Amino acid sequence: MDHKIRNGYLQLILSDRGAELKSIQKDGQEYLWDGDPQYWGEQSPLLFPYVGRFTDGRYMLAGKGYEMDIHGFARKCLFNVVEQREESITFELRDDGETYRMYPYHFVLQAAYRLRRDTVMVTYRVSNCSCETMYFGIGGHPGFRVPLEEGLGFSDYHLEFALQSCPERIGHTPACFLSGRDERFPLEDGRILRLSHGMFDEDAIVLKNMADEVTLKSDKGTRQVRVSYPDMPYLGLWHAPGTEAPYICIEPWTSLPSRQDVVEEFKCKSDLIRLAGGEQYVNTWSITVC
């Protein structure tokens, strides 16, 4: 089932399935990717309790093996709406027998969307209802239309970071696992990354040590999208590799995929969030349509 929230600036459509954003409109214009399966059938999945791939689709927890698909299970689950107002909505997912088979914790995951003028505030709340420490990763995966205006092309756009920085690109193998070979990723004037389809031929670009806000824009147009992620240490940039897909995903993450050929022990993976029993984790990021 889809749900709609709006204010005087934006209108959003969201789905019970995965608490996923399905549409962001301003002045009748769509900014979110439409989910064309020719390139990528999703639009803005919520990544939980893991970001990326596991070697062999498996991980270990206290010596016991578990199986989980790429980017975790939340994106495929049906959420309940626990609160809805004209300008906001909160979705909730609680563990059940199916999730416990993949991830042996009792938890509550909430994804709240709130409109503030021309900004979508996205808040994740994770409650650990288990007694022991809970390990997880979480992140967003929104895709945005490129171009945002008629008469422009993909390569007319660039990403502009809010501050000058010297980020590193997280090294990945061809199969999209961590390689351990991170390298500097220079930006033009320390802030600009110009878009081309070929930049994704080796799959995603994942950055660390970058500014915590970036804007998708073109010098030839007026429409822009700004993504702010003050508490997310990693940023994934992606579209379907080897294609001329008319979108880009700007993905704020808290953690990283597995290492190549290593079936990871969750308790030893240093980038995962560690949440004590009975505690709650909160992280807010935002999308501003300019």
Protein backbone atom coordinates (compact mmCIF):
# COMPACT_ATOMS: atom_id res chain seq x y z
CA MET A 1 0.00 0.00 0.00
CA ASP A 2 1.20 3.50 -0.81
CA HIS A 3 0.90 6.55 1.44
CA LYS A 4 1.09 10.25 0.61
CA ILE A 5 2.37 13.16 2.66
CA ARG A 6 2.64 16.78 1.54
CA ASN A 7 3.20 20.36 2.54
CA GLY A 8 3.23 23.61 0.56
CA TYR A 9 6.52 22.66 -1.13
CA LEU A 10 6.78 18.88 -1.61
CA GLN A 11 4.63 15.82 -2.11
CA LEU A 12 5.93 12.35 -1.24
CA ILE A 13 4.62 8.87 -1.97
CA LEU A 14 5.91 6.06 0.22
CA SER A 15 5.28 2.33 0.34
CA ASP A 16 4.65 -0.15 3.16
CA ARG A 17 7.08 -2.45 1.35
CA GLY A 18 10.48 -1.59 2.74
CA ALA A 19 9.27 1.84 3.98
CA GLU A 20 10.52 2.95 0.56
CA LEU A 21 10.24 6.39 -0.98
CA LYS A 22 8.46 6.10 -4.33
CA SER A 23 8.10 9.72 -5.40
CA ILE A 24 9.40 13.20 -4.54
CA GLN A 25 7.58 15.96 -6.41
CA LYS A 26 7.97 19.71 -6.32
CA ASP A 27 5.86 22.00 -8.50
CA GLY A 28 4.58 18.91 -10.32
CA GLN A 29 8.11 17.79 -11.27
CA GLU A 30 9.46 14.38 -10.25
CA TYR A 31 12.94 14.18 -8.72
CA LEU A 32 13.14 10.52 -7.68
CA TRP A 33 14.14 7.70 -10.04
CA ASP A 34 11.07 5.84 -11.36
CA GLY A 35 12.29 2.27 -10.80
CA ASP A 36 12.44 1.20 -14.45
CA PRO A 37 13.55 -2.47 -14.21
CA GLN A 38 15.54 -2.11 -17.44
CA TYR A 39 18.19 -0.48 -15.25
CA TRP A 40 17.23 -0.91 -11.59
CA GLY A 41 13.83 -1.89 -10.25
CA GLU A 42 14.11 -0.18 -6.87
CA GLN A 43 13.93 3.51 -6.03
CA SER A 44 15.09 4.23 -2.49
CA PRO A 45 15.53 1.07 -0.42
CA LEU A 46 16.34 1.10 3.28
CA LEU A 47 19.46 -0.94 3.96
CA PHE A 48 19.28 -2.91 7.25
CA PRO A 49 20.79 -4.74 9.10
CA TYR A 50 23.66 -4.84 6.62
CA VAL A 51 25.01 -2.69 3.82
CA GLY A 52 26.40 -4.48 0.77
CA ARG A 53 27.24 -8.12 0.11
CA PHE A 54 28.30 -11.02 2.29
CA THR A 55 30.87 -13.47 0.96
CA ASP A 56 28.83 -16.53 -0.11
CA GLY A 57 25.74 -14.73 1.22
CA ARG A 58 26.72 -15.76 4.77
CA TYR A 59 28.08 -14.35 8.01
CA MET A 60 29.02 -15.73 11.41
CA LEU A 61 27.75 -14.67 14.80
CA ALA A 62 29.36 -16.21 17.87
CA GLY A 63 30.53 -19.13 15.75
CA LYS A 64 27.14 -19.89 14.16
CA GLY A 65 26.45 -19.30 10.45
CA TYR A 66 23.55 -17.25 9.06
CA GLU A 67 22.43 -16.39 5.53
CA MET A 68 21.35 -12.93 4.35
CA ASP A 69 20.85 -11.32 0.95
CA ILE A 70 22.60 -8.15 -0.25
CA HIS A 71 21.71 -5.00 1.71
CA GLY A 72 19.78 -6.94 4.36
CA PHE A 73 16.11 -7.88 4.60
CA ALA A 74 14.33 -4.64 5.57
CA ARG A 75 13.91 -3.50 1.94
CA LYS A 76 11.73 -6.58 1.26
CA CYS A 77 9.66 -6.52 4.46
CA LEU A 78 6.21 -5.07 5.02
CA PHE A 79 6.30 -2.25 7.57
CA ASN A 80 3.39 -1.03 9.67
CA VAL A 81 2.44 2.64 9.76
CA VAL A 82 2.48 3.66 13.42
CA GLU A 83 1.87 7.38 12.89
CA GLN A 84 0.76 9.50 9.94
CA ARG A 85 0.05 13.19 9.70
CA GLU A 86 -0.28 15.48 6.71
CA GLU A 87 3.45 16.30 6.68
CA SER A 88 4.97 13.17 8.25
CA ILE A 89 4.77 9.39 8.47
CA THR A 90 6.51 6.75 10.59
CA PHE A 91 6.92 3.13 9.50
CA GLU A 92 7.84 0.31 11.88
CA LEU A 93 9.29 -3.17 11.49
CA ARG A 94 9.55 -5.64 14.38
CA ASP A 95 11.45 -8.88 14.34
CA ASP A 96 9.56 -12.08 13.64
CA GLY A 97 10.41 -15.71 13.01
CA GLU A 98 11.60 -15.00 9.47
CA THR A 99 13.92 -12.14 10.42
CA TYR A 100 15.20 -14.06 13.46
CA ARG A 101 16.24 -16.93 11.19
CA MET A 102 18.52 -14.51 9.30
CA TYR A 103 19.40 -12.19 12.18
CA PRO A 104 19.03 -13.52 15.73
CA TYR A 105 18.03 -10.35 17.53
CA HIS A 106 14.80 -8.89 18.84
CA PHE A 107 14.53 -5.35 17.53
CA VAL A 108 12.25 -2.51 16.46
CA LEU A 109 13.23 -0.53 13.36
CA GLN A 110 11.44 2.74 12.60
CA ALA A 111 11.83 4.88 9.49
CA ALA A 112 10.27 8.33 9.86
CA TYR A 113 9.83 10.83 7.02
CA ARG A 114 9.03 14.45 7.87
CA LEU A 115 8.67 17.42 5.54
CA ARG A 116 10.30 20.70 6.52
CA ARG A 117 9.69 23.24 3.74
CA ASP A 118 11.55 21.78 0.71
CA THR A 119 13.47 19.19 2.75
CA VAL A 120 12.69 15.54 3.50
CA MET A 121 14.02 14.62 6.93
CA VAL A 122 14.67 10.87 7.19
CA THR A 123 15.16 9.43 10.67
CA TYR A 124 16.09 5.84 11.47
CA ARG A 125 15.46 4.54 15.00
CA VAL A 126 16.71 1.10 15.99
CA SER A 127 15.76 -0.32 19.39
CA ASN A 128 17.60 -3.36 20.71
CA CYS A 129 15.01 -5.47 22.50
CA SER A 130 17.54 -8.23 23.16
CA CYS A 131 19.67 -8.50 26.28
CA GLU A 132 22.97 -8.83 24.43
CA THR A 133 24.76 -6.28 22.26
CA MET A 134 23.27 -5.99 18.76
CA TYR A 135 25.46 -5.45 15.69
CA PHE A 136 24.13 -3.85 12.51
CA GLY A 137 24.65 -1.50 9.61
CA ILE A 138 22.07 0.89 8.18
CA GLY A 139 21.85 3.31 5.29
CA GLY A 140 19.84 4.90 2.50
CA HIS A 141 19.93 4.13 -1.24
CA PRO A 142 17.89 6.89 -2.97
CA GLY A 143 18.08 7.20 -6.74
CA PHE A 144 17.54 10.57 -8.43
CA ARG A 145 16.62 11.33 -12.03
CA VAL A 146 19.44 12.60 -14.21
CA PRO A 147 18.77 14.81 -16.05
CA LEU A 148 16.34 16.71 -13.85
CA GLU A 149 15.31 18.98 -16.73
CA GLU A 150 14.43 18.56 -20.39
CA GLY A 151 17.19 19.37 -22.86
CA LEU A 152 20.04 18.36 -20.57
CA GLY A 153 22.10 15.15 -20.47
CA PHE A 154 23.70 13.02 -17.80
CA SER A 155 27.15 14.50 -18.38
CA ASP A 156 25.80 18.03 -17.92
CA TYR A 157 25.57 17.28 -14.19
CA HIS A 158 28.07 17.14 -11.37
CA LEU A 159 28.17 16.53 -7.65
CA GLU A 160 29.33 19.46 -5.54
CA PHE A 161 30.40 18.76 -1.95
CA ALA A 162 29.70 21.42 0.64
CA LEU A 163 33.31 21.70 1.78
CA GLN A 164 36.69 21.13 0.22
CA SER A 165 37.97 17.70 1.16
CA CYS A 166 40.38 14.97 0.16
CA PRO A 167 38.26 11.80 0.24
CA GLU A 168 39.41 8.25 -0.17
CA ARG A 169 37.72 5.67 -2.37
CA ILE A 170 37.06 2.39 -0.57
CA GLY A 171 38.78 -0.37 -2.56
CA HIS A 172 36.42 -2.98 -4.00
CA THR A 173 37.01 -6.15 -5.99
CA PRO A 174 35.18 -6.73 -9.31
CA ALA A 175 32.60 -8.71 -7.32
CA CYS A 176 31.96 -5.67 -5.04
CA PHE A 177 33.65 -6.92 -1.89
CA LEU A 178 36.24 -4.97 0.07
CA SER A 179 39.72 -5.35 -1.37
CA GLY A 180 41.62 -3.49 1.37
CA ARG A 181 43.17 -1.20 -1.24
CA ASP A 182 41.73 2.24 -0.51
CA GLU A 183 43.10 5.17 -2.51
CA ARG A 184 42.84 8.93 -2.71
CA PHE A 185 39.94 10.17 -4.81
CA PRO A 186 40.75 13.74 -5.84
CA LEU A 187 37.88 16.12 -6.52
CA GLU A 188 38.04 19.08 -8.87
CA ASP A 189 38.86 22.10 -6.68
CA GLY A 190 38.40 19.74 -3.74
CA ARG A 191 34.62 19.78 -4.20
CA ILE A 192 33.44 18.79 -7.71
CA LEU A 193 32.82 15.35 -9.24
CA ARG A 194 31.60 15.55 -12.83
CA LEU A 195 29.25 12.78 -13.92
CA SER A 196 29.71 10.35 -16.78
CA HIS A 197 28.14 6.96 -17.36
CA GLY A 198 31.56 5.35 -17.64
CA MET A 199 32.48 6.26 -14.06
CA PHE A 200 30.29 3.35 -12.92
CA ASP A 201 31.65 0.71 -15.28
CA GLU A 202 33.42 -0.88 -12.29
CA ASP A 203 30.27 -0.57 -10.17
CA ALA A 204 29.83 1.72 -7.16
CA ILE A 205 32.14 4.48 -5.98
CA VAL A 206 32.24 4.39 -2.17
CA LEU A 207 33.90 7.28 -0.36
CA LYS A 208 35.08 8.09 3.15
CA ASN A 209 36.56 11.27 4.63
CA MET A 210 34.32 13.39 2.39
CA ALA A 211 32.15 16.37 3.29
CA ASP A 212 28.82 15.40 4.86
CA GLU A 213 26.66 17.19 2.29
CA VAL A 214 26.59 16.99 -1.51
CA THR A 215 24.43 18.59 -4.21
CA LEU A 216 23.44 17.15 -7.59
CA LYS A 217 23.34 20.09 -10.01
CA SER A 218 24.07 21.39 -13.51
CA ASP A 219 25.49 24.73 -14.58
CA LYS A 220 23.00 24.59 -17.46
CA GLY A 221 19.89 24.10 -15.33
CA THR A 222 18.15 25.29 -12.18
CA ARG A 223 16.87 22.13 -10.45
CA GLN A 224 19.05 20.59 -7.78
CA VAL A 225 18.98 17.89 -5.11
CA ARG A 226 21.04 18.20 -1.93
CA VAL A 227 21.72 15.21 0.33
CA SER A 228 22.99 15.82 3.87
CA TYR A 229 24.25 12.95 6.06
CA PRO A 230 26.00 14.35 9.16
CA ASP A 231 26.24 11.02 10.99
CA MET A 232 27.00 8.70 8.08
CA PRO A 233 30.76 8.06 7.54
CA TYR A 234 30.47 6.52 4.06
CA LEU A 235 28.87 7.65 0.81
CA GLY A 236 28.03 5.33 -2.08
CA LEU A 237 27.54 6.68 -5.62
CA TRP A 238 26.08 4.30 -8.19
CA HIS A 239 24.04 3.49 -11.22
CA ALA A 240 23.71 0.22 -13.10
CA PRO A 241 27.23 -0.46 -14.45
CA GLY A 242 27.87 -0.68 -18.17
CA THR A 243 24.69 1.23 -19.03
CA GLU A 244 23.50 4.75 -19.78
CA ALA A 245 21.04 4.64 -16.90
CA PRO A 246 19.31 8.03 -16.42
CA TYR A 247 19.74 8.24 -12.66
CA ILE A 248 22.32 8.34 -9.89
CA CYS A 249 22.07 6.91 -6.40
CA ILE A 250 23.53 9.02 -3.59
CA GLU A 251 23.76 6.60 -0.67
CA PRO A 252 24.70 7.55 2.90
CA TRP A 253 25.91 4.50 4.85
CA THR A 254 27.09 3.69 8.35
CA SER A 255 29.06 0.57 7.38
CA LEU A 256 30.67 -1.38 4.54
CA PRO A 257 30.34 -4.73 2.73
CA SER A 258 32.31 -7.87 3.53
CA ARG A 259 35.88 -8.57 2.53
CA GLN A 260 36.54 -10.69 -0.53
CA ASP A 261 36.47 -14.43 0.34
CA VAL A 262 35.98 -13.76 4.07
CA VAL A 263 32.83 -14.99 5.80
CA GLU A 264 32.70 -12.22 8.37
CA GLU A 265 32.21 -12.69 12.10
CA PHE A 266 29.76 -9.91 12.98
CA LYS A 267 31.30 -9.26 16.39
CA CYS A 268 34.70 -8.61 14.79
CA LYS A 269 33.62 -6.25 11.99
CA SER A 270 34.79 -2.86 13.22
CA ASP A 271 32.54 -0.64 11.07
CA LEU A 272 29.24 -2.09 12.37
CA ILE A 273 27.18 -0.20 14.95
CA ARG A 274 27.22 -1.80 18.41
CA LEU A 275 24.00 -1.23 20.35
CA ALA A 276 23.74 -2.44 23.94
CA GLY A 277 20.71 -4.39 25.10
CA GLY A 278 17.71 -2.17 25.79
CA GLU A 279 19.31 0.85 24.08
CA GLN A 280 18.16 2.87 21.05
CA TYR A 281 20.11 4.22 18.07
CA VAL A 282 18.95 7.29 16.10
CA ASN A 283 20.35 8.69 12.84
CA THR A 284 18.87 11.48 10.69
CA TRP A 285 19.78 12.47 7.16
CA SER A 286 17.96 14.62 4.62
CA ILE A 287 17.08 15.30 0.98
CA THR A 288 16.48 18.92 -0.09
CA VAL A 289 14.89 19.69 -3.44
CA CYS A 290 16.06 23.09 -4.71
